[in-house]
C-alpha atoms as a PDB file:
ATOM      1  CA  PHE A   1     112.336 127.035  72.770  1.00  0.00           C
ATOM      2  CA  ASP A   2     111.002 123.459  72.869  1.00  0.00           C
ATOM      3  CA  ILE A   3     114.359 122.072  71.724  1.00  0.00           C
ATOM      4  CA  LEU A   4     116.243 124.076  74.347  1.00  0.00           C
ATOM      5  CA  TYR A   5     113.744 122.950  77.003  1.00  0.00           C
ATOM      6  CA  LYS A   6     114.299 119.293  76.263  1.00  0.00           C
ATOM      7  CA  MET A   7     118.077 119.706  76.158  1.00  0.00           C
ATOM      8  CA  SER A   8     117.995 121.090  79.711  1.00  0.00           C
ATOM      9  CA  ASN A   9     116.423 117.914  81.105  1.00  0.00           C
ATOM     10  CA  LYS A  10     118.667 115.420  82.864  1.00  0.00           C
ATOM     11  CA  LEU A  11     118.410 111.633  82.920  1.00  0.00           C
ATOM     12  CA  LEU A  12     119.604 109.751  86.010  1.00  0.00           C
ATOM     13  CA  GLN A  13     120.005 105.968  85.919  1.00  0.00           C
ATOM     14  CA  ILE A  14     120.689 104.363  89.292  1.00  0.00           C
ATOM     15  CA  SER A  15     121.697 100.749  89.841  1.00  0.00           C
ATOM     16  CA  THR A  16     122.602  99.231  93.197  1.00  0.00           C
ATOM     17  CA  THR A  17     124.359  96.444  91.293  1.00  0.00           C
ATOM     18  CA  GLN A  18     127.125  98.894  90.410  1.00  0.00           C
ATOM     19  CA  LEU A  19     127.051 100.572  93.812  1.00  0.00           C
ATOM     20  CA  LYS A  20     127.681  97.224  95.538  1.00  0.00           C
ATOM     21  CA  THR A  21     130.882  96.735  93.537  1.00  0.00           C
ATOM     22  CA  ILE A  22     132.180  99.885  95.222  1.00  0.00           C
ATOM     23  CA  ASP A  23     130.660  99.266  98.657  1.00  0.00           C
ATOM     24  CA  PRO A  24     129.389  95.702  99.264  1.00  0.00           C
ATOM     25  CA  THR A  25     127.902  96.775 102.617  1.00  0.00           C
ATOM     26  CA  ILE A  26     125.282  99.173 101.218  1.00  0.00           C
ATOM     27  CA  LYS A  27     121.640  98.500 101.966  1.00  0.00           C
ATOM     28  CA  THR A  28     119.736  98.351  98.696  1.00  0.00           C
ATOM     29  CA  HIS A  29     116.575  99.656 100.396  1.00  0.00           C
ATOM     30  CA  ASP A  30     118.331 102.674 101.940  1.00  0.00           C
ATOM     31  CA  PHE A  31     121.276 104.162 100.051  1.00  0.00           C
ATOM     32  CA  SER A  32     122.885 107.317  98.689  1.00  0.00           C
ATOM     33  CA  ILE A  33     124.631 108.016  95.402  1.00  0.00           C
ATOM     34  CA  THR A  34     127.228 110.684  94.684  1.00  0.00           C
ATOM     35  CA  ILE A  35     126.750 112.736  91.517  1.00  0.00           C
ATOM     36  CA  PRO A  36     129.615 115.255  91.405  1.00  0.00           C
ATOM     37  CA  ASN A  37     128.511 116.964  88.178  1.00  0.00           C
ATOM     38  CA  LEU A  38     124.839 117.561  88.998  1.00  0.00           C
ATOM     39  CA  ILE A  39     124.276 121.290  89.417  1.00  0.00           C
ATOM     40  CA  LEU A  40     120.836 122.926  89.359  1.00  0.00           C
ATOM     41  CA  ASN A  41     120.691 126.645  88.590  1.00  0.00           C
ATOM     42  CA  ASN A  42     119.530 128.639  91.619  1.00  0.00           C
ATOM     43  CA  ASP A  43     117.502 130.929  89.372  1.00  0.00           C
ATOM     44  CA  ARG A  44     115.412 128.172  87.849  1.00  0.00           C
ATOM     45  CA  LYS A  45     112.751 125.753  89.055  1.00  0.00           C
ATOM     46  CA  TYR A  46     113.157 121.999  88.606  1.00  0.00           C
ATOM     47  CA  SER A  47     111.007 118.929  89.073  1.00  0.00           C
ATOM     48  CA  VAL A  48     111.767 115.198  89.110  1.00  0.00           C
ATOM     49  CA  ALA A  49     109.876 112.083  88.010  1.00  0.00           C
ATOM     50  CA  LEU A  50     110.460 108.375  88.229  1.00  0.00           C
ATOM     51  CA  VAL A  51     110.076 106.887  84.747  1.00  0.00           C
ATOM     52  CA  ASN A  52     111.179 103.322  85.363  1.00  0.00           C
ATOM     53  CA  TYR A  53     111.952 101.023  88.283  1.00  0.00           C
ATOM     54  CA  SER A  54     112.956  97.430  88.939  1.00  0.00           C
ATOM     55  CA  LEU A  55     113.194  95.743  92.327  1.00  0.00           C
ATOM     56  CA  TRP A  56     112.371  92.404  93.895  1.00  0.00           C
ATOM     57  CA  TYR A  57     109.551  91.185  96.139  1.00  0.00           C
ATOM     58  CA  SER A  58     112.185  90.112  98.633  1.00  0.00           C
ATOM     59  CA  TRP A  59     111.093  91.472 102.011  1.00  0.00           C
ATOM     60  CA  PHE A  60     109.955  89.087 104.747  1.00  0.00           C
ATOM     61  CA  ASN A  61     106.502  89.068 106.321  1.00  0.00           C
ATOM     62  CA  LEU A  62     107.730  86.582 108.958  1.00  0.00           C
ATOM     63  CA  SER A  63     111.134  86.840 110.625  1.00  0.00           C
ATOM     64  CA  ALA A  64     113.001  86.912 113.902  1.00  0.00           C
ATOM     65  CA  SER A  65     113.426  90.689 113.550  1.00  0.00           C
ATOM     66  CA  ASN A  66     109.639  91.034 113.181  1.00  0.00           C
ATOM     67  CA  SER A  67     109.185  88.904 116.329  1.00  0.00           C
ATOM     68  CA  ASN A  68     106.494  86.805 114.640  1.00  0.00           C
ATOM     69  CA  ASN A  69     108.311  83.575 113.786  1.00  0.00           C
ATOM     70  CA  GLN A  70     107.502  81.320 116.757  1.00  0.00           C
ATOM     71  CA  LEU A  71     104.587  79.246 118.074  1.00  0.00           C
ATOM     72  CA  ARG A  72     104.134  76.290 120.421  1.00  0.00           C
ATOM     73  CA  TYR A  73     102.215  73.062 119.944  1.00  0.00           C
ATOM     74  CA  SER A  74     101.373  70.033 122.051  1.00  0.00           C
ATOM     75  CA  PRO A  75     100.948  66.535 120.585  1.00  0.00           C
ATOM     76  CA  ASP A  76      99.662  65.041 123.865  1.00  0.00           C
ATOM     77  CA  ASN A  77      96.658  67.117 124.940  1.00  0.00           C
ATOM     78  CA  GLY A  78      98.704  69.808 126.670  1.00  0.00           C
ATOM     79  CA  VAL A  79     101.017  67.607 128.755  1.00  0.00           C
ATOM     80  CA  THR A  80     104.107  68.696 126.780  1.00  0.00           C
ATOM     81  CA  PHE A  81     104.598  71.748 124.550  1.00  0.00           C
ATOM     82  CA  TYR A  82     107.238  72.240 121.880  1.00  0.00           C
ATOM     83  CA  THR A  83     108.398  75.566 120.455  1.00  0.00           C
ATOM     84  CA  LEU A  84     108.716  75.889 116.695  1.00  0.00           C
ATOM     85  CA  THR A  85     110.894  78.537 115.049  1.00  0.00           C
ATOM     86  CA  ILE A  86     110.044  79.230 111.416  1.00  0.00           C
ATOM     87  CA  SER A  87     112.813  80.370 109.067  1.00  0.00           C
ATOM     88  CA  ASP A  88     112.700  84.000 107.923  1.00  0.00           C
ATOM     89  CA  GLY A  89     110.754  84.372 104.694  1.00  0.00           C
ATOM     90  CA  ASN A  90     107.618  85.560 102.959  1.00  0.00           C
ATOM     91  CA  TYR A  91     104.781  83.097 103.475  1.00  0.00           C
ATOM     92  CA  GLY A  92     101.176  82.707 102.443  1.00  0.00           C
ATOM     93  CA  ILE A  93      98.793  80.765 104.672  1.00  0.00           C
ATOM     94  CA  ASP A  94      99.056  77.499 102.714  1.00  0.00           C
ATOM     95  CA  THR A  95     102.867  77.610 102.595  1.00  0.00           C
ATOM     96  CA  LEU A  96     103.000  78.507 106.271  1.00  0.00           C
ATOM     97  CA  SER A  97     100.820  75.513 107.118  1.00  0.00           C
ATOM     98  CA  SER A  98     103.066  73.158 105.126  1.00  0.00           C
ATOM     99  CA  VAL A  99     106.215  74.503 106.793  1.00  0.00           C
ATOM    100  CA  ILE A 100     104.742  74.061 110.283  1.00  0.00           C
ATOM    101  CA  GLN A 101     103.638  70.519 109.441  1.00  0.00           C
ATOM    102  CA  ALA A 102     107.181  69.739 108.277  1.00  0.00           C
ATOM    103  CA  LEU A 103     108.663  71.149 111.501  1.00  0.00           C
ATOM    104  CA  ILE A 104     106.272  69.065 113.613  1.00  0.00           C
ATOM    105  CA  THR A 105     107.218  65.966 111.612  1.00  0.00           C
ATOM    106  CA  ALA A 106     110.909  66.762 112.098  1.00  0.00           C
ATOM    107  CA  ASN A 107     110.230  66.675 115.864  1.00  0.00           C
ATOM    108  CA  GLY A 108     109.055  63.073 115.498  1.00  0.00           C
ATOM    109  CA  HIS A 109     105.345  63.879 115.646  1.00  0.00           C
ATOM    110  CA  ASP A 110     102.538  63.648 113.110  1.00  0.00           C
ATOM    111  CA  GLY A 111     102.390  66.956 111.260  1.00  0.00           C
ATOM    112  CA  THR A 112      99.067  66.150 109.619  1.00  0.00           C
ATOM    113  CA  ASN A 113      97.311  66.726 112.954  1.00  0.00           C
ATOM    114  CA  PHE A 114      97.862  70.453 112.435  1.00  0.00           C
ATOM    115  CA  GLN A 115      96.650  72.552 109.516  1.00  0.00           C
ATOM    116  CA  LEU A 116      95.997  76.181 108.601  1.00  0.00           C
ATOM    117  CA  THR A 117      93.648  76.959 105.716  1.00  0.00           C
ATOM    118  CA  ALA A 118      92.703  80.301 104.180  1.00  0.00           C
ATOM    119  CA  ASN A 119      88.935  80.761 103.928  1.00  0.00           C
ATOM    120  CA  TYR A 120      88.465  83.239 101.089  1.00  0.00           C
ATOM    121  CA  SER A 121      84.719  83.501 101.727  1.00  0.00           C
ATOM    122  CA  THR A 122      85.007  84.685 105.335  1.00  0.00           C
ATOM    123  CA  LEU A 123      88.499  86.224 104.932  1.00  0.00           C
ATOM    124  CA  LYS A 124      89.574  84.320 108.032  1.00  0.00           C
ATOM    125  CA  VAL A 125      92.024  81.483 108.693  1.00  0.00           C
ATOM    126  CA  GLU A 126      90.759  78.023 109.665  1.00  0.00           C
ATOM    127  CA  LEU A 127      92.735  76.048 112.257  1.00  0.00           C
ATOM    128  CA  THR A 128      92.435  72.253 112.235  1.00  0.00           C
ATOM    129  CA  LEU A 129      93.685  70.265 115.248  1.00  0.00           C
ATOM    130  CA  THR A 130      93.157  66.515 115.546  1.00  0.00           C
ATOM    131  CA  ASN A 131      94.226  63.632 117.804  1.00  0.00           C
ATOM    132  CA  ASN A 132      94.691  65.717 120.970  1.00  0.00           C
ATOM    133  CA  TYR A 133      96.941  68.341 119.369  1.00  0.00           C
ATOM    134  CA  GLN A 134      96.937  71.850 120.837  1.00  0.00           C
ATOM    135  CA  LEU A 135      98.275  75.196 119.648  1.00  0.00           C
ATOM    136  CA  ASP A 136      99.695  77.763 122.091  1.00  0.00           C
ATOM    137  CA  LEU A 137      99.752  81.360 120.836  1.00  0.00           C
ATOM    138  CA  THR A 138     100.283  82.975 124.239  1.00  0.00           C
ATOM    139  CA  ILE A 139     104.064  83.361 123.917  1.00  0.00           C
ATOM    140  CA  ALA A 140     105.629  86.827 123.494  1.00  0.00           C
ATOM    141  CA  ASN A 141     105.449  86.767 119.722  1.00  0.00           C
ATOM    142  CA  THR A 142     103.050  88.166 117.119  1.00  0.00           C
ATOM    143  CA  PHE A 143     102.555  85.039 115.012  1.00  0.00           C
ATOM    144  CA  ASP A 144      98.925  85.166 116.176  1.00  0.00           C
ATOM    145  CA  VAL A 145      98.470  88.514 114.398  1.00  0.00           C
ATOM    146  CA  LEU A 146      99.615  87.059 111.078  1.00  0.00           C
ATOM    147  CA  ILE A 147      96.931  84.378 111.111  1.00  0.00           C
ATOM    148  CA  GLY A 148      94.170  86.373 112.829  1.00  0.00           C
ATOM    149  CA  PHE A 149      93.895  84.531 116.153  1.00  0.00           C
ATOM    150  CA  SER A 150      93.842  85.796 119.731  1.00  0.00           C
ATOM    151  CA  LYS A 151      96.597  84.988 122.219  1.00  0.00           C
ATOM    152  CA  LEU A 152      95.086  81.784 123.586  1.00  0.00           C
ATOM    153  CA  VAL A 153      95.800  78.066 123.864  1.00  0.00           C
ATOM    154  CA  TYR A 154      93.655  76.299 121.261  1.00  0.00           C
ATOM    155  CA  THR A 155      92.524  72.757 121.987  1.00  0.00           C
ATOM    156  CA  ALA A 156      90.149  72.182 119.071  1.00  0.00           C
ATOM    157  CA  SER A 157      89.604  73.161 115.456  1.00  0.00           C
ATOM    158  CA  GLN A 158      88.093  76.591 114.888  1.00  0.00           C
ATOM    159  CA  SER A 159      88.125  79.729 112.735  1.00  0.00           C
ATOM    160  CA  GLY A 160      90.140  82.777 113.600  1.00  0.00           C
ATOM    161  CA  THR A 161      88.068  85.591 115.048  1.00  0.00           C
ATOM    162  CA  LEU A 162      90.338  88.403 113.841  1.00  0.00           C
ATOM    163  CA  VAL A 163      91.326  89.647 110.398  1.00  0.00           C
ATOM    164  CA  PRO A 164      94.621  87.952 109.442  1.00  0.00           C
ATOM    165  CA  ASN A 165      97.550  90.268 108.742  1.00  0.00           C
ATOM    166  CA  ILE A 166      99.571  87.907 106.576  1.00  0.00           C
ATOM    167  CA  THR A 167     101.321  90.810 104.820  1.00  0.00           C
ATOM    168  CA  ASN A 168     102.575  92.099 108.198  1.00  0.00           C
ATOM    169  CA  SER A 169     100.998  95.466 107.292  1.00  0.00           C
ATOM    170  CA  VAL A 170     102.977  95.914 104.057  1.00  0.00           C
ATOM    171  CA  ASP A 171     100.295  96.688 101.478  1.00  0.00           C
ATOM    172  CA  LEU A 172     101.974  99.389  99.409  1.00  0.00           C
ATOM    173  CA  LEU A 173     105.540 100.313  98.431  1.00  0.00           C
ATOM    174  CA  SER A 174     106.945 103.824  98.238  1.00  0.00           C
ATOM    175  CA  ILE A 175     110.142 104.802  96.427  1.00  0.00           C
ATOM    176  CA  ASN A 176     111.476 107.839  98.276  1.00  0.00           C
ATOM    177  CA  CYS A 177     114.065 110.376  97.172  1.00  0.00           C
ATOM    178  CA  ASP A 178     115.368 113.395  99.079  1.00  0.00           C
ATOM    179  CA  LEU A 179     115.290 115.516  95.923  1.00  0.00           C
ATOM    180  CA  VAL A 180     111.513 115.654  96.282  1.00  0.00           C
ATOM    181  CA  SER A 181     110.041 118.630  98.105  1.00  0.00           C
ATOM    182  CA  ALA A 182     108.143 117.289 101.114  1.00  0.00           C
ATOM    183  CA  ASN A 183     106.065 120.480 101.392  1.00  0.00           C
ATOM    184  CA  ASP A 184     103.588 119.330  98.744  1.00  0.00           C
ATOM    185  CA  ASN A 185     103.849 115.582  99.340  1.00  0.00           C
ATOM    186  CA  PHE A 186     101.777 113.790 101.981  1.00  0.00           C
ATOM    187  CA  ILE A 187     101.065 110.327 103.349  1.00  0.00           C
ATOM    188  CA  ASN A 188      97.894 110.963 105.299  1.00  0.00           C
ATOM    189  CA  GLU A 189      98.689 114.072 107.339  1.00  0.00           C
ATOM    190  CA  LYS A 190     102.487 113.727 107.303  1.00  0.00           C
ATOM    191  CA  ASN A 191     104.929 115.278 104.839  1.00  0.00           C
ATOM    192  CA  ASN A 192     107.203 112.849 103.039  1.00  0.00           C
ATOM    193  CA  ASP A 193     109.568 112.631 100.071  1.00  0.00           C
ATOM    194  CA  SER A 194     107.832 109.844  98.157  1.00  0.00           C
ATOM    195  CA  LEU A 195     108.722 109.839  94.479  1.00  0.00           C
ATOM    196  CA  TYR A 196     106.315 107.092  93.482  1.00  0.00           C
ATOM    197  CA  SER A 197     104.139 104.504  95.232  1.00  0.00           C
ATOM    198  CA  PHE A 198     102.392 101.348  94.062  1.00  0.00           C
ATOM    199  CA  VAL A 199     100.810  98.075  95.152  1.00  0.00           C
ATOM    200  CA  PRO A 200     102.847  94.971  94.179  1.00  0.00           C
ATOM    201  CA  SER A 201     101.015  92.805  91.634  1.00  0.00           C
ATOM    202  CA  VAL A 202     103.452  89.881  91.628  1.00  0.00           C
ATOM    203  CA  PRO A 203     104.022  87.037  94.118  1.00  0.00           C
ATOM    204  CA  PRO A 204     106.897  86.924  96.640  1.00  0.00           C
ATOM    205  CA  GLY A 205     110.242  86.243  94.997  1.00  0.00           C
ATOM    206  CA  ALA A 206     109.271  87.849  91.682  1.00  0.00           C
ATOM    207  CA  ASN A 207     110.623  90.970  90.013  1.00  0.00           C
ATOM    208  CA  ILE A 208     108.557  94.150  90.287  1.00  0.00           C
ATOM    209  CA  ASN A 209     109.058  96.552  87.426  1.00  0.00           C
ATOM    210  CA  GLY A 210     107.313  99.471  85.806  1.00  0.00           C
ATOM    211  CA  GLY A 211     106.964 103.169  86.409  1.00  0.00           C
ATOM    212  CA  SER A 212     104.895 106.213  85.779  1.00  0.00           C
ATOM    213  CA  GLY A 213     105.777 105.934  82.093  1.00  0.00           C
ATOM    214  CA  LEU A 214     107.946 108.123  79.889  1.00  0.00           C
ATOM    215  CA  SER A 215     104.867 109.460  78.082  1.00  0.00           C
ATOM    216  CA  GLN A 216     103.097 110.790  81.189  1.00  0.00           C
ATOM    217  CA  PRO A 217     105.590 110.918  84.083  1.00  0.00           C
ATOM    218  CA  ILE A 218     104.505 112.354  87.429  1.00  0.00           C
ATOM    219  CA  PHE A 219     106.795 115.341  88.016  1.00  0.00           C
ATOM    220  CA  LEU A 220     107.241 116.615  91.566  1.00  0.00           C
ATOM    221  CA  PRO A 221     108.968 119.847  92.680  1.00  0.00           C
ATOM    222  CA  ILE A 222     112.621 119.513  93.666  1.00  0.00           C
ATOM    223  CA  ALA A 223     113.546 120.793  97.111  1.00  0.00           C
ATOM    224  CA  ARG A 224     117.211 121.598  96.407  1.00  0.00           C
ATOM    225  CA  SER A 225     119.264 123.737  94.050  1.00  0.00           C
ATOM    226  CA  GLY A 226     122.878 124.519  93.243  1.00  0.00           C
ATOM    227  CA  TYR A 227     125.456 121.784  93.665  1.00  0.00           C
ATOM    228  CA  ILE A 228     123.542 118.610  94.540  1.00  0.00           C
ATOM    229  CA  GLY A 229     126.453 116.316  95.355  1.00  0.00           C
ATOM    230  CA  ALA A 230     124.535 113.305  96.636  1.00  0.00           C
ATOM    231  CA  ILE A 231     120.989 111.916  96.461  1.00  0.00           C
ATOM    232  CA  HIS A 232     119.443 109.580  99.002  1.00  0.00           C
ATOM    233  CA  PHE A 233     116.900 106.863  98.115  1.00  0.00           C
ATOM    234  CA  SER A 234     114.836 104.585 100.322  1.00  0.00           C
ATOM    235  CA  ILE A 235     112.191 101.903  99.820  1.00  0.00           C
ATOM    236  CA  ARG A 236     109.416 102.145 102.382  1.00  0.00           C
ATOM    237  CA  SER A 237     106.115 100.494 103.186  1.00  0.00           C
ATOM    238  CA  ASN A 238     102.736 102.212 103.482  1.00  0.00           C
ATOM    239  CA  ASN A 239     103.422 102.814 107.188  1.00  0.00           C
ATOM    240  CA  GLY A 240     106.538 104.831 106.324  1.00  0.00           C
ATOM    241  CA  LEU A 241     109.004 102.263 107.653  1.00  0.00           C
ATOM    242  CA  LEU A 242     112.057 101.097 105.731  1.00  0.00           C
ATOM    243  CA  LEU A 243     111.364  97.866 103.867  1.00  0.00           C
ATOM    244  CA  ASP A 244     114.362  95.526 104.000  1.00  0.00           C
ATOM    245  CA  LEU A 245     114.879  94.006 100.524  1.00  0.00           C
ATOM    246  CA  ASN A 246     117.489  91.579 101.892  1.00  0.00           C
ATOM    247  CA  ASN A 247     120.168  93.028  99.634  1.00  0.00           C
ATOM    248  CA  GLU A 248     118.321  92.338  96.370  1.00  0.00           C
ATOM    249  CA  ASN A 249     119.158  94.952  93.750  1.00  0.00           C
ATOM    250  CA  VAL A 250     117.192  98.044  92.786  1.00  0.00           C
ATOM    251  CA  SER A 251     117.308  99.939  89.468  1.00  0.00           C
ATOM    252  CA  LEU A 252     115.739 103.366  89.044  1.00  0.00           C
ATOM    253  CA  THR A 253     115.498 105.826  86.161  1.00  0.00           C
ATOM    254  CA  LEU A 254     114.686 109.459  86.914  1.00  0.00           C
ATOM    255  CA  VAL A 255     114.197 112.547  84.777  1.00  0.00           C
ATOM    256  CA  ILE A 256     115.027 115.988  86.166  1.00  0.00           C
ATOM    257  CA  ARG A 257     113.051 118.614  84.279  1.00  0.00           C
ATOM    258  CA  ASP A 258     113.900 122.283  83.943  1.00  0.00           C
ATOM    259  CA  ASP A 259     110.634 124.163  84.589  1.00  0.00           C
ATOM    260  CA  GLY A 260     111.963 127.605  83.714  1.00  0.00           C
ATOM    261  CA  PHE A 261     112.954 130.677  85.667  1.00  0.00           C
ATOM    262  CA  ALA A 262     111.785 130.919  89.255  1.00  0.00           C
ATOM    263  CA  LYS A 263     109.343 133.742  89.969  1.00  0.00           C
END
């Protein structure tokens, strides 16, 4: 019986690298695959587990689409203000400070009169302004939220009074699959089809890989039976929103397990 049980399991290996050769326009964070030969017996129960994954820390915490990529500064005590637009990317506080300094310098002003520093003791961001520089965060943009400041015009150095949201509220990743039964799967009070979720442990730009492990996979009930045809996958953040991977590839390995005859 054990041998027959193992033979009934199915291994699915998904790679967006191959999918993009067929359709270069696919979104690697939100895609479907066609599996014409996948048929699940209506009389039996099945479950699915993710046993391996590989994707990239390639989403942006600051971008035009997030509406948090602009700020204004004055080099002359508020007489004249200049708008800075920061390129889309994933920034920490120190990198963000360096980029803003470079943009100010490119405008012909002294970038060293502006600085952002992460204070890991208070968990706040320190703003340094010297030589009559000012920072305007009142524009219709949420850059202020990233660094933990209120929507004000700042004329002197000070600490942020709010908790910075430098991750733009992306603190956990969820790999979702529409094979999963949402009836027994919840994020807070809402049903969902999450196959596996985790907190990234690598810096932006690095590869994220791992899984629940072949030795102890987390099997979840499958919501469908009969001819499957196609399976949809999505990469989402902890708030349930799609997480744009900027077309970086995703590889997933799934096991479909035959759990025996349905009662």
